[in-house]
Amino acid sequence: MFTPSSFNWNREFCNSIKRRGLVADKITYTTLIKAACQQGDEQKGLDLLNEMVKVGIQPDVVTFNTVIEALCDSGKWYMAKGLTADMERRGGELYIMQFFRLFYLCSLNNLS
């Protein structure tokens, strides 16, 4: 059984999908990324985002903003800023709340 409190639940879920011959899509990856970020594991969210791109699935604005929001909430403005630049290179736009959160965190640290 997969529960959010199980550390490897999202990896187990991915493996379960593969064993059944199914393929994870953008919605599946975004859901797993959101769950990892809600558990406070932004790095797992980033890893899943990178895996998503590696297997040829392009993340959308929702996917990027999920990770950016989690990074901002945990004070990792430098990582959020880098991910924002990557998203913009791919044609995505930052949600207004993430923009203000990132702007605020950067201004606290005297960055532009």
Foldseek 3Di string as FASTA:
>chain_A
DADLVDPCRLVVVCVVCVVVVHDDAQVSLLVSLLSCLVSVNLVVSVVSQVVCVVVPHHHAQSSLQSSLVSCLVVLVLVVSVVSQVVNVVVPYDHDPVSVVSSVVSCVVVVHD
